[in-house]
Amino acid sequence: MNLQLKLVFIATILAGTWLTAGCSKSSKDSLIGKWTKVTATRDDQRPGVANTAQGSSIEFVEGGTFILGGNQSTTYKVLAKDRISIGGYGGVGILYEFAVDGDQLTLKEEVHGTPVVWVYKRVGLNPSNGDSAAARARGENDPFSGPRRTNPINGMWSKETGPVDVSRPGLASVPQRAMTFFGTDGAITGTDAKYAVIDDRRMVIEDRGKRVFYTSTRDGDKLSFSEEGTSFTWLFINP
């Protein structure tokens, strides 16, 4: 076998390995959430994820909404276990192969017959993988152990805006206008849930065996939360 045929043979094996891994570890549900671009490659002449900078975000929302960079919204459709179509860019749908392996997402697009690959890291924790025992088994740092961090949200808060979904753990299940007290001991009054402050802007709530991570911003008597890995946001006020 000459060198050229050997190279073609090796490339075929590698491509088959990538696709096999993608099929075995990818699913529609595993895409859901927010992702940050790790790859530095950028092509300003192409639409979609190609025309985004390193560190920018994409988000797949349940129901078929795709958010690019936090403000451009379009749609996506899962065509197979390892293929998606993202549309809305000049009426042209863009086809990608995808593979999810833990907290890493790989997107591959064929550009003039040449595969271009982008790698993303998950922002926060996928709610479907938020089991606290599983997190500990993966060796993740446990925010509920060790010294308790300074608590910037201690006190009584009223939920003013944002979705209510009693089937979900964490802040989503809190009714509108309900009074919620975050105690200095990590307890959330009136619930079996508990919370821990990770740093000045992040916290986690453990509720019904699930851990949900949030980014929070306090501005005087106003406290806003964004659930990591989703598009959910809430505003609480200090009455």
C-alpha atoms as a PDB file:
ATOM      1  CA  MET A   1       0.000   0.000   0.000  1.00  0.00           C
ATOM      2  CA  ASN A   2       1.528   3.326  -1.028  1.00  0.00           C
ATOM      3  CA  LEU A   3       1.757   6.338   1.313  1.00  0.00           C
ATOM      4  CA  GLN A   4      -1.212   8.172  -0.182  1.00  0.00           C
ATOM      5  CA  LEU A   5      -3.521   5.177   0.227  1.00  0.00           C
ATOM      6  CA  LYS A   6      -2.290   4.698   3.789  1.00  0.00           C
ATOM      7  CA  LEU A   7      -3.127   8.300   4.663  1.00  0.00           C
ATOM      8  CA  VAL A   8      -6.607   7.979   3.141  1.00  0.00           C
ATOM      9  CA  PHE A   9      -7.152   4.758   5.093  1.00  0.00           C
ATOM     10  CA  ILE A  10      -6.069   6.363   8.395  1.00  0.00           C
ATOM     11  CA  ALA A  11      -8.242   9.439   7.780  1.00  0.00           C
ATOM     12  CA  THR A  12     -11.243   7.203   7.103  1.00  0.00           C
ATOM     13  CA  ILE A  13     -10.681   5.298  10.364  1.00  0.00           C
ATOM     14  CA  LEU A  14     -10.357   8.530  12.358  1.00  0.00           C
ATOM     15  CA  ALA A  15     -13.510  10.012  10.824  1.00  0.00           C
ATOM     16  CA  GLY A  16     -15.416   6.835  11.618  1.00  0.00           C
ATOM     17  CA  THR A  17     -14.149   6.931  15.201  1.00  0.00           C
ATOM     18  CA  TRP A  18     -15.291  10.567  15.626  1.00  0.00           C
ATOM     19  CA  LEU A  19     -18.749   9.815  14.261  1.00  0.00           C
ATOM     20  CA  THR A  20     -19.107   6.669  16.353  1.00  0.00           C
ATOM     21  CA  ALA A  21     -18.182   8.580  19.507  1.00  0.00           C
ATOM     22  CA  GLY A  22     -20.599  11.350  18.568  1.00  0.00           C
ATOM     23  CA  CYS A  23     -23.459   8.935  18.019  1.00  0.00           C
ATOM     24  CA  SER A  24     -22.847   7.062  21.249  1.00  0.00           C
ATOM     25  CA  LYS A  25     -22.534  10.094  23.508  1.00  0.00           C
ATOM     26  CA  SER A  26     -24.832  12.634  21.838  1.00  0.00           C
ATOM     27  CA  SER A  27     -28.553  13.176  22.204  1.00  0.00           C
ATOM     28  CA  LYS A  28     -31.083  15.945  21.791  1.00  0.00           C
ATOM     29  CA  ASP A  29     -31.330  16.478  25.563  1.00  0.00           C
ATOM     30  CA  SER A  30     -27.562  16.676  26.020  1.00  0.00           C
ATOM     31  CA  LEU A  31     -27.456  19.762  23.786  1.00  0.00           C
ATOM     32  CA  ILE A  32     -29.804  21.765  26.001  1.00  0.00           C
ATOM     33  CA  GLY A  33     -28.036  24.568  27.839  1.00  0.00           C
ATOM     34  CA  LYS A  34     -25.467  27.294  27.385  1.00  0.00           C
ATOM     35  CA  TRP A  35     -21.976  26.743  25.948  1.00  0.00           C
ATOM     36  CA  THR A  36     -18.809  28.863  25.690  1.00  0.00           C
ATOM     37  CA  LYS A  37     -16.551  28.667  22.641  1.00  0.00           C
ATOM     38  CA  VAL A  38     -13.066  27.319  23.361  1.00  0.00           C
ATOM     39  CA  THR A  39     -11.770  27.181  19.777  1.00  0.00           C
ATOM     40  CA  ALA A  40     -10.044  30.346  18.545  1.00  0.00           C
ATOM     41  CA  THR A  41     -10.915  29.697  14.865  1.00  0.00           C
ATOM     42  CA  ARG A  42     -13.175  32.368  13.365  1.00  0.00           C
ATOM     43  CA  ASP A  43     -14.475  33.092   9.854  1.00  0.00           C
ATOM     44  CA  ASP A  44     -16.211  36.469   9.506  1.00  0.00           C
ATOM     45  CA  GLN A  45     -17.373  35.559   5.999  1.00  0.00           C
ATOM     46  CA  ARG A  46     -19.588  32.709   7.185  1.00  0.00           C
ATOM     47  CA  PRO A  47     -22.819  32.768   9.226  1.00  0.00           C
ATOM     48  CA  GLY A  48     -23.528  30.701  12.322  1.00  0.00           C
ATOM     49  CA  VAL A  49     -20.961  29.639  14.899  1.00  0.00           C
ATOM     50  CA  ALA A  50     -18.096  30.217  12.431  1.00  0.00           C
ATOM     51  CA  ASN A  51     -18.585  33.972  12.800  1.00  0.00           C
ATOM     52  CA  THR A  52     -18.102  34.065  16.582  1.00  0.00           C
ATOM     53  CA  ALA A  53     -15.113  34.850  18.768  1.00  0.00           C
ATOM     54  CA  GLN A  54     -13.417  32.639  21.312  1.00  0.00           C
ATOM     55  CA  GLY A  55     -15.243  33.021  24.635  1.00  0.00           C
ATOM     56  CA  SER A  56     -18.602  33.828  23.021  1.00  0.00           C
ATOM     57  CA  SER A  57     -21.668  31.802  23.930  1.00  0.00           C
ATOM     58  CA  ILE A  58     -24.356  29.750  22.240  1.00  0.00           C
ATOM     59  CA  GLU A  59     -27.467  28.323  23.850  1.00  0.00           C
ATOM     60  CA  PHE A  60     -29.842  25.523  22.888  1.00  0.00           C
ATOM     61  CA  VAL A  61     -33.249  26.021  24.522  1.00  0.00           C
ATOM     62  CA  GLU A  62     -35.946  23.381  24.843  1.00  0.00           C
ATOM     63  CA  GLY A  63     -38.537  23.858  22.101  1.00  0.00           C
ATOM     64  CA  GLY A  64     -36.059  24.571  19.309  1.00  0.00           C
ATOM     65  CA  THR A  65     -34.752  28.072  20.062  1.00  0.00           C
ATOM     66  CA  PHE A  66     -31.065  28.750  19.406  1.00  0.00           C
ATOM     67  CA  ILE A  67     -29.381  31.840  20.898  1.00  0.00           C
ATOM     68  CA  LEU A  68     -26.098  33.054  19.437  1.00  0.00           C
ATOM     69  CA  GLY A  69     -23.948  35.421  21.492  1.00  0.00           C
ATOM     70  CA  GLY A  70     -26.696  36.090  24.004  1.00  0.00           C
ATOM     71  CA  ASN A  71     -28.832  38.290  21.728  1.00  0.00           C
ATOM     72  CA  GLN A  72     -29.310  36.707  18.274  1.00  0.00           C
ATOM     73  CA  SER A  73     -32.185  34.247  18.357  1.00  0.00           C
ATOM     74  CA  THR A  74     -33.102  31.726  15.674  1.00  0.00           C
ATOM     75  CA  THR A  75     -34.179  28.076  15.565  1.00  0.00           C
ATOM     76  CA  TYR A  76     -32.516  24.678  15.485  1.00  0.00           C
ATOM     77  CA  LYS A  77     -33.698  21.184  14.641  1.00  0.00           C
ATOM     78  CA  VAL A  78     -32.187  17.840  15.545  1.00  0.00           C
ATOM     79  CA  LEU A  79     -32.098  15.751  12.366  1.00  0.00           C
ATOM     80  CA  ALA A  80     -30.414  12.654  13.824  1.00  0.00           C
ATOM     81  CA  LYS A  81     -28.536  11.591  16.949  1.00  0.00           C
ATOM     82  CA  ASP A  82     -25.452  13.417  15.732  1.00  0.00           C
ATOM     83  CA  ARG A  83     -26.774  16.058  13.295  1.00  0.00           C
ATOM     84  CA  ILE A  84     -28.542  19.383  13.714  1.00  0.00           C
ATOM     85  CA  SER A  85     -29.686  22.197  11.446  1.00  0.00           C
ATOM     86  CA  ILE A  86     -29.481  25.802  12.632  1.00  0.00           C
ATOM     87  CA  GLY A  87     -31.572  28.173  10.511  1.00  0.00           C
ATOM     88  CA  GLY A  88     -32.509  31.806  10.201  1.00  0.00           C
ATOM     89  CA  TYR A  89     -29.290  33.204   8.710  1.00  0.00           C
ATOM     90  CA  GLY A  90     -30.461  34.736   5.440  1.00  0.00           C
ATOM     91  CA  GLY A  91     -32.956  31.906   5.096  1.00  0.00           C
ATOM     92  CA  VAL A  92     -30.162  29.339   4.852  1.00  0.00           C
ATOM     93  CA  GLY A  93     -30.039  26.441   7.283  1.00  0.00           C
ATOM     94  CA  ILE A  94     -26.569  25.353   8.394  1.00  0.00           C
ATOM     95  CA  LEU A  95     -25.893  21.672   8.994  1.00  0.00           C
ATOM     96  CA  TYR A  96     -23.589  20.528  11.793  1.00  0.00           C
ATOM     97  CA  GLU A  97     -22.482  17.207  13.166  1.00  0.00           C
ATOM     98  CA  PHE A  98     -22.310  17.324  16.947  1.00  0.00           C
ATOM     99  CA  ALA A  99     -20.896  15.246  19.782  1.00  0.00           C
ATOM    100  CA  VAL A 100     -21.395  15.833  23.511  1.00  0.00           C
ATOM    101  CA  ASP A 101     -18.909  14.256  25.902  1.00  0.00           C
ATOM    102  CA  GLY A 102     -19.606  15.357  29.471  1.00  0.00           C
ATOM    103  CA  ASP A 103     -19.203  19.127  29.578  1.00  0.00           C
ATOM    104  CA  GLN A 104     -17.683  19.375  26.085  1.00  0.00           C
ATOM    105  CA  LEU A 105     -19.609  20.013  22.870  1.00  0.00           C
ATOM    106  CA  THR A 106     -17.997  19.544  19.457  1.00  0.00           C
ATOM    107  CA  LEU A 107     -19.601  21.004  16.320  1.00  0.00           C
ATOM    108  CA  LYS A 108     -18.349  20.076  12.859  1.00  0.00           C
ATOM    109  CA  GLU A 109     -19.294  21.842   9.613  1.00  0.00           C
ATOM    110  CA  GLU A 110     -18.282  20.928   6.077  1.00  0.00           C
ATOM    111  CA  VAL A 111     -16.885  24.036   4.330  1.00  0.00           C
ATOM    112  CA  HIS A 112     -16.195  23.446   0.621  1.00  0.00           C
ATOM    113  CA  GLY A 113     -15.545  19.792   1.366  1.00  0.00           C
ATOM    114  CA  THR A 114     -13.228  20.494   4.298  1.00  0.00           C
ATOM    115  CA  PRO A 115     -14.396  19.719   7.866  1.00  0.00           C
ATOM    116  CA  VAL A 116     -14.105  22.623  10.326  1.00  0.00           C
ATOM    117  CA  VAL A 117     -14.457  21.780  14.015  1.00  0.00           C
ATOM    118  CA  TRP A 118     -15.367  24.028  16.965  1.00  0.00           C
ATOM    119  CA  VAL A 119     -15.147  23.000  20.615  1.00  0.00           C
ATOM    120  CA  TYR A 120     -17.368  24.390  23.390  1.00  0.00           C
ATOM    121  CA  LYS A 121     -17.476  23.989  27.174  1.00  0.00           C
ATOM    122  CA  ARG A 122     -20.728  23.895  29.116  1.00  0.00           C
ATOM    123  CA  VAL A 123     -21.614  26.939  31.212  1.00  0.00           C
ATOM    124  CA  GLY A 124     -22.810  25.744  34.616  1.00  0.00           C
ATOM    125  CA  LEU A 125     -24.449  22.370  35.124  1.00  0.00           C
ATOM    126  CA  ASN A 126     -26.937  20.686  32.839  1.00  0.00           C
ATOM    127  CA  PRO A 127     -30.092  20.312  34.982  1.00  0.00           C
ATOM    128  CA  SER A 128     -30.583  16.745  33.718  1.00  0.00           C
ATOM    129  CA  ASN A 129     -27.138  15.875  35.109  1.00  0.00           C
ATOM    130  CA  GLY A 130     -27.505  17.834  38.307  1.00  0.00           C
ATOM    131  CA  ASP A 131     -27.738  14.952  40.763  1.00  0.00           C
ATOM    132  CA  SER A 132     -25.568  15.846  43.745  1.00  0.00           C
ATOM    133  CA  ALA A 133     -24.335  12.269  44.290  1.00  0.00           C
ATOM    134  CA  ALA A 134     -23.279  12.060  40.636  1.00  0.00           C
ATOM    135  CA  ALA A 135     -21.470  15.384  40.946  1.00  0.00           C
ATOM    136  CA  ARG A 136     -19.525  14.117  43.945  1.00  0.00           C
ATOM    137  CA  ALA A 137     -18.720  10.883  42.108  1.00  0.00           C
ATOM    138  CA  ARG A 138     -17.244  12.956  39.260  1.00  0.00           C
ATOM    139  CA  GLY A 139     -14.911  14.573  41.786  1.00  0.00           C
ATOM    140  CA  GLU A 140     -16.406  18.060  41.493  1.00  0.00           C
ATOM    141  CA  ASN A 141     -15.761  20.521  44.310  1.00  0.00           C
ATOM    142  CA  ASP A 142     -18.593  20.453  46.824  1.00  0.00           C
ATOM    143  CA  PRO A 143     -19.696  24.039  47.641  1.00  0.00           C
ATOM    144  CA  PHE A 144     -21.581  22.753  50.687  1.00  0.00           C
ATOM    145  CA  SER A 145     -18.422  21.485  52.379  1.00  0.00           C
ATOM    146  CA  GLY A 146     -15.716  23.506  54.048  1.00  0.00           C
ATOM    147  CA  PRO A 147     -15.999  27.031  55.488  1.00  0.00           C
ATOM    148  CA  ARG A 148     -19.149  28.944  54.549  1.00  0.00           C
ATOM    149  CA  ARG A 149     -18.451  31.891  52.263  1.00  0.00           C
ATOM    150  CA  THR A 150     -19.633  35.446  52.896  1.00  0.00           C
ATOM    151  CA  ASN A 151     -23.330  35.638  52.058  1.00  0.00           C
ATOM    152  CA  PRO A 152     -24.350  38.660  49.940  1.00  0.00           C
ATOM    153  CA  ILE A 153     -27.999  37.563  49.625  1.00  0.00           C
ATOM    154  CA  ASN A 154     -28.954  36.817  53.236  1.00  0.00           C
ATOM    155  CA  GLY A 155     -32.413  38.129  54.096  1.00  0.00           C
ATOM    156  CA  MET A 156     -36.008  38.225  52.930  1.00  0.00           C
ATOM    157  CA  TRP A 157     -36.756  38.498  49.203  1.00  0.00           C
ATOM    158  CA  SER A 158     -39.944  38.562  47.116  1.00  0.00           C
ATOM    159  CA  LYS A 159     -40.047  37.027  43.643  1.00  0.00           C
ATOM    160  CA  GLU A 160     -41.243  39.751  41.262  1.00  0.00           C
ATOM    161  CA  THR A 161     -40.638  38.506  37.731  1.00  0.00           C
ATOM    162  CA  GLY A 162     -39.607  35.319  35.955  1.00  0.00           C
ATOM    163  CA  PRO A 163     -41.084  31.917  35.090  1.00  0.00           C
ATOM    164  CA  VAL A 164     -42.766  29.610  37.594  1.00  0.00           C
ATOM    165  CA  ASP A 165     -42.444  25.853  37.111  1.00  0.00           C
ATOM    166  CA  VAL A 166     -43.187  23.769  40.198  1.00  0.00           C
ATOM    167  CA  SER A 167     -41.843  20.648  38.478  1.00  0.00           C
ATOM    168  CA  ARG A 168     -38.318  22.096  38.426  1.00  0.00           C
ATOM    169  CA  PRO A 169     -36.022  22.312  41.460  1.00  0.00           C
ATOM    170  CA  GLY A 170     -34.662  25.595  42.773  1.00  0.00           C
ATOM    171  CA  LEU A 171     -35.940  29.114  42.141  1.00  0.00           C
ATOM    172  CA  ALA A 172     -38.169  28.078  39.231  1.00  0.00           C
ATOM    173  CA  SER A 173     -40.609  26.457  41.663  1.00  0.00           C
ATOM    174  CA  VAL A 174     -40.993  29.589  43.827  1.00  0.00           C
ATOM    175  CA  PRO A 175     -44.445  31.175  43.265  1.00  0.00           C
ATOM    176  CA  GLN A 176     -44.786  34.783  42.125  1.00  0.00           C
ATOM    177  CA  ARG A 177     -44.732  37.318  44.999  1.00  0.00           C
ATOM    178  CA  ALA A 178     -43.748  34.558  47.409  1.00  0.00           C
ATOM    179  CA  MET A 179     -41.492  35.602  50.294  1.00  0.00           C
ATOM    180  CA  THR A 180     -38.223  33.679  50.367  1.00  0.00           C
ATOM    181  CA  PHE A 181     -35.724  33.927  53.227  1.00  0.00           C
ATOM    182  CA  PHE A 182     -32.101  32.972  52.626  1.00  0.00           C
ATOM    183  CA  GLY A 183     -30.640  32.233  56.052  1.00  0.00           C
ATOM    184  CA  THR A 184     -27.015  32.666  57.051  1.00  0.00           C
ATOM    185  CA  ASP A 185     -26.910  28.919  57.768  1.00  0.00           C
ATOM    186  CA  GLY A 186     -27.693  28.027  54.155  1.00  0.00           C
ATOM    187  CA  ALA A 187     -31.351  27.197  54.786  1.00  0.00           C
ATOM    188  CA  ILE A 188     -34.150  28.517  52.588  1.00  0.00           C
ATOM    189  CA  THR A 189     -37.102  29.131  54.891  1.00  0.00           C
ATOM    190  CA  GLY A 190     -40.297  27.261  54.064  1.00  0.00           C
ATOM    191  CA  THR A 191     -38.559  24.652  51.892  1.00  0.00           C
ATOM    192  CA  ASP A 192     -36.396  21.573  52.274  1.00  0.00           C
ATOM    193  CA  ALA A 193     -33.819  23.151  49.973  1.00  0.00           C
ATOM    194  CA  LYS A 194     -30.458  24.583  50.959  1.00  0.00           C
ATOM    195  CA  TYR A 195     -28.045  26.910  49.219  1.00  0.00           C
ATOM    196  CA  ALA A 196     -24.352  27.743  49.199  1.00  0.00           C
ATOM    197  CA  VAL A 197     -22.491  30.800  47.948  1.00  0.00           C
ATOM    198  CA  ILE A 198     -19.663  29.883  45.565  1.00  0.00           C
ATOM    199  CA  ASP A 199     -18.273  33.378  45.003  1.00  0.00           C
ATOM    200  CA  ASP A 200     -19.487  36.986  44.723  1.00  0.00           C
ATOM    201  CA  ARG A 201     -21.646  36.185  41.705  1.00  0.00           C
ATOM    202  CA  ARG A 202     -22.451  32.469  41.836  1.00  0.00           C
ATOM    203  CA  MET A 203     -24.518  30.271  44.106  1.00  0.00           C
ATOM    204  CA  VAL A 204     -26.033  26.785  44.076  1.00  0.00           C
ATOM    205  CA  ILE A 205     -29.316  25.454  45.449  1.00  0.00           C
ATOM    206  CA  GLU A 206     -29.746  21.791  46.353  1.00  0.00           C
ATOM    207  CA  ASP A 207     -33.395  20.837  46.063  1.00  0.00           C
ATOM    208  CA  ARG A 208     -35.044  17.415  45.656  1.00  0.00           C
ATOM    209  CA  GLY A 209     -31.682  15.750  45.131  1.00  0.00           C
ATOM    210  CA  LYS A 210     -30.672  18.123  42.327  1.00  0.00           C
ATOM    211  CA  ARG A 211     -28.141  20.945  42.348  1.00  0.00           C
ATOM    212  CA  VAL A 212     -28.961  24.028  40.291  1.00  0.00           C
ATOM    213  CA  PHE A 213     -26.338  26.724  39.730  1.00  0.00           C
ATOM    214  CA  TYR A 214     -27.084  30.434  39.397  1.00  0.00           C
ATOM    215  CA  THR A 215     -25.357  33.681  38.550  1.00  0.00           C
ATOM    216  CA  SER A 216     -26.651  36.464  40.801  1.00  0.00           C
ATOM    217  CA  THR A 217     -26.342  40.234  40.782  1.00  0.00           C
ATOM    218  CA  ARG A 218     -27.413  42.466  43.663  1.00  0.00           C
ATOM    219  CA  ASP A 219     -28.239  46.145  43.161  1.00  0.00           C
ATOM    220  CA  GLY A 220     -29.430  47.584  46.444  1.00  0.00           C
ATOM    221  CA  ASP A 221     -32.860  46.100  47.135  1.00  0.00           C
ATOM    222  CA  LYS A 222     -32.957  44.225  43.841  1.00  0.00           C
ATOM    223  CA  LEU A 223     -31.514  40.771  43.307  1.00  0.00           C
ATOM    224  CA  SER A 224     -31.438  39.098  39.883  1.00  0.00           C
ATOM    225  CA  PHE A 225     -30.721  35.432  39.190  1.00  0.00           C
ATOM    226  CA  SER A 226     -29.863  33.585  35.978  1.00  0.00           C
ATOM    227  CA  GLU A 227     -30.013  29.792  36.016  1.00  0.00           C
ATOM    228  CA  GLU A 228     -26.842  28.477  34.399  1.00  0.00           C
ATOM    229  CA  GLY A 229     -27.332  26.205  31.426  1.00  0.00           C
ATOM    230  CA  THR A 230     -30.792  27.689  30.669  1.00  0.00           C
ATOM    231  CA  SER A 231     -32.334  31.014  29.643  1.00  0.00           C
ATOM    232  CA  PHE A 232     -34.301  31.367  32.922  1.00  0.00           C
ATOM    233  CA  THR A 233     -33.927  34.673  34.803  1.00  0.00           C
ATOM    234  CA  TRP A 234     -35.704  36.067  37.853  1.00  0.00           C
ATOM    235  CA  LEU A 235     -35.901  39.368  39.730  1.00  0.00           C
ATOM    236  CA  PHE A 236     -36.342  39.424  43.508  1.00  0.00           C
ATOM    237  CA  ILE A 237     -36.795  42.542  45.640  1.00  0.00           C
ATOM    238  CA  ASN A 238     -36.147  43.159  49.319  1.00  0.00           C
ATOM    239  CA  PRO A 239     -39.516  44.354  50.710  1.00  0.00           C
END
